[in-house]
Amino acid sequence: MYEINLSKKVEKELKNLRRSQPKHASQVKEKIDSLAYNPRSQDSKKVITRPEYLRVDSGEYRIFYKVFDNRKEIEIYRVDPRKDAFRW
């Protein structure tokens, strides 16, 4: 099992999301928690512009993260709405 670390930006985004759209926030949180067991799941994709990062979809949101196998850690860098995800 991998340890999950959230960036400050992601923590803030999730807090705002919980207030404005609790349903989406719970979907994103469940997806993040599932990454601890399988960080390279079938639905994860490499980010074309940054191949060291992976992306996974969670409803209307995209989760961007990096896996550190040697430390058994996952760092979540961004959680963006689908419409904004391509800008990264």
C-alpha atoms as a PDB file:
ATOM      1  CA  MET A   1       0.000   0.000   0.000  1.00  0.00           C
ATOM      2  CA  TYR A   2       1.248   3.471  -0.919  1.00  0.00           C
ATOM      3  CA  GLU A   3       1.136   6.551   1.276  1.00  0.00           C
ATOM      4  CA  ILE A   4      -0.732   9.483  -0.270  1.00  0.00           C
ATOM      5  CA  ASN A   5       0.519  13.066   0.083  1.00  0.00           C
ATOM      6  CA  LEU A   6      -1.584  16.019  -1.034  1.00  0.00           C
ATOM      7  CA  SER A   7      -0.056  19.303  -2.136  1.00  0.00           C
ATOM      8  CA  LYS A   8      -1.282  22.470  -0.406  1.00  0.00           C
ATOM      9  CA  LYS A   9      -3.081  23.440  -3.601  1.00  0.00           C
ATOM     10  CA  VAL A  10      -4.944  20.112  -3.690  1.00  0.00           C
ATOM     11  CA  GLU A  11      -5.941  20.410  -0.026  1.00  0.00           C
ATOM     12  CA  LYS A  12      -7.381  23.863  -0.725  1.00  0.00           C
ATOM     13  CA  GLU A  13      -9.156  22.669  -3.876  1.00  0.00           C
ATOM     14  CA  LEU A  14     -10.741  19.726  -2.032  1.00  0.00           C
ATOM     15  CA  LYS A  15     -11.873  21.990   0.797  1.00  0.00           C
ATOM     16  CA  ASN A  16     -13.557  24.350  -1.675  1.00  0.00           C
ATOM     17  CA  LEU A  17     -15.037  21.420  -3.561  1.00  0.00           C
ATOM     18  CA  ARG A  18     -16.542  19.975  -0.354  1.00  0.00           C
ATOM     19  CA  ARG A  19     -18.361  23.253   0.192  1.00  0.00           C
ATOM     20  CA  SER A  20     -19.563  23.836  -3.346  1.00  0.00           C
ATOM     21  CA  GLN A  21     -20.065  20.301  -4.704  1.00  0.00           C
ATOM     22  CA  PRO A  22     -20.004  17.647  -1.969  1.00  0.00           C
ATOM     23  CA  LYS A  23     -20.939  14.832  -4.361  1.00  0.00           C
ATOM     24  CA  HIS A  24     -17.950  15.515  -6.624  1.00  0.00           C
ATOM     25  CA  ALA A  25     -15.696  15.953  -3.585  1.00  0.00           C
ATOM     26  CA  SER A  26     -16.589  12.497  -2.274  1.00  0.00           C
ATOM     27  CA  GLN A  27     -15.990  10.949  -5.722  1.00  0.00           C
ATOM     28  CA  VAL A  28     -12.555  12.560  -5.923  1.00  0.00           C
ATOM     29  CA  LYS A  29     -11.672  11.508  -2.369  1.00  0.00           C
ATOM     30  CA  GLU A  30     -12.691   7.888  -3.073  1.00  0.00           C
ATOM     31  CA  LYS A  31     -10.570   7.847  -6.236  1.00  0.00           C
ATOM     32  CA  ILE A  32      -7.559   9.282  -4.394  1.00  0.00           C
ATOM     33  CA  ASP A  33      -7.951   6.675  -1.643  1.00  0.00           C
ATOM     34  CA  SER A  34      -8.127   3.874  -4.219  1.00  0.00           C
ATOM     35  CA  LEU A  35      -4.779   4.983  -5.676  1.00  0.00           C
ATOM     36  CA  ALA A  36      -3.069   3.841  -2.463  1.00  0.00           C
ATOM     37  CA  TYR A  37      -3.845   0.236  -3.421  1.00  0.00           C
ATOM     38  CA  ASN A  38      -3.288   0.465  -7.163  1.00  0.00           C
ATOM     39  CA  PRO A  39      -1.486   3.635  -8.328  1.00  0.00           C
ATOM     40  CA  ARG A  40      -1.215   2.426 -11.915  1.00  0.00           C
ATOM     41  CA  SER A  41      -4.756   1.251 -12.400  1.00  0.00           C
ATOM     42  CA  GLN A  42      -6.161   0.460 -15.804  1.00  0.00           C
ATOM     43  CA  ASP A  43      -7.832   3.858 -16.071  1.00  0.00           C
ATOM     44  CA  SER A  44      -4.684   5.894 -15.293  1.00  0.00           C
ATOM     45  CA  LYS A  45      -2.912   7.579 -18.192  1.00  0.00           C
ATOM     46  CA  LYS A  46       0.438   9.278 -18.623  1.00  0.00           C
ATOM     47  CA  VAL A  47       0.332  13.041 -19.038  1.00  0.00           C
ATOM     48  CA  ILE A  48       1.667  13.681 -22.538  1.00  0.00           C
ATOM     49  CA  THR A  49       3.412  16.957 -21.727  1.00  0.00           C
ATOM     50  CA  ARG A  50       4.854  15.579 -18.459  1.00  0.00           C
ATOM     51  CA  PRO A  51       5.451  11.828 -18.813  1.00  0.00           C
ATOM     52  CA  GLU A  52       6.561  11.352 -15.203  1.00  0.00           C
ATOM     53  CA  TYR A  53       3.009  12.238 -14.077  1.00  0.00           C
ATOM     54  CA  LEU A  54      -0.143  10.173 -14.292  1.00  0.00           C
ATOM     55  CA  ARG A  55      -3.739  11.296 -14.636  1.00  0.00           C
ATOM     56  CA  VAL A  56      -6.910   9.575 -13.576  1.00  0.00           C
ATOM     57  CA  ASP A  57     -10.507  10.664 -14.168  1.00  0.00           C
ATOM     58  CA  SER A  58     -13.028  11.040 -11.377  1.00  0.00           C
ATOM     59  CA  GLY A  59     -16.356  12.204 -12.742  1.00  0.00           C
ATOM     60  CA  GLU A  60     -15.977  15.807 -13.854  1.00  0.00           C
ATOM     61  CA  TYR A  61     -12.509  16.110 -12.293  1.00  0.00           C
ATOM     62  CA  ARG A  62      -8.995  15.010 -13.226  1.00  0.00           C
ATOM     63  CA  ILE A  63      -6.410  13.991 -10.640  1.00  0.00           C
ATOM     64  CA  PHE A  64      -2.730  14.482 -11.505  1.00  0.00           C
ATOM     65  CA  TYR A  65      -0.153  12.593  -9.481  1.00  0.00           C
ATOM     66  CA  LYS A  66       3.329  11.132  -9.392  1.00  0.00           C
ATOM     67  CA  VAL A  67       4.292   7.690  -8.046  1.00  0.00           C
ATOM     68  CA  PHE A  68       7.489   7.107  -6.079  1.00  0.00           C
ATOM     69  CA  ASP A  69       7.921   3.330  -5.976  1.00  0.00           C
ATOM     70  CA  ASN A  70      11.136   3.407  -3.956  1.00  0.00           C
ATOM     71  CA  ARG A  71       9.385   5.306  -1.111  1.00  0.00           C
ATOM     72  CA  LYS A  72       5.940   3.752  -1.660  1.00  0.00           C
ATOM     73  CA  GLU A  73       4.432   7.235  -1.952  1.00  0.00           C
ATOM     74  CA  ILE A  74       2.016   8.999  -4.244  1.00  0.00           C
ATOM     75  CA  GLU A  75       2.054  12.771  -4.468  1.00  0.00           C
ATOM     76  CA  ILE A  76      -1.171  14.327  -5.676  1.00  0.00           C
ATOM     77  CA  TYR A  77      -0.256  17.582  -7.430  1.00  0.00           C
ATOM     78  CA  ARG A  78      -3.499  18.783  -8.945  1.00  0.00           C
ATOM     79  CA  VAL A  79      -7.220  18.180  -8.953  1.00  0.00           C
ATOM     80  CA  ASP A  80      -8.774  20.133 -11.804  1.00  0.00           C
ATOM     81  CA  PRO A  81     -12.195  20.316 -13.415  1.00  0.00           C
ATOM     82  CA  ARG A  82     -12.233  18.515 -16.740  1.00  0.00           C
ATOM     83  CA  LYS A  83     -12.547  21.773 -18.692  1.00  0.00           C
ATOM     84  CA  ASP A  84      -9.309  23.129 -17.139  1.00  0.00           C
ATOM     85  CA  ALA A  85      -7.228  19.941 -17.083  1.00  0.00           C
ATOM     86  CA  PHE A  86      -5.791  20.327 -20.588  1.00  0.00           C
ATOM     87  CA  ARG A  87      -4.022  23.575 -19.624  1.00  0.00           C
ATOM     88  CA  TRP A  88      -1.482  21.772 -17.481  1.00  0.00           C
END
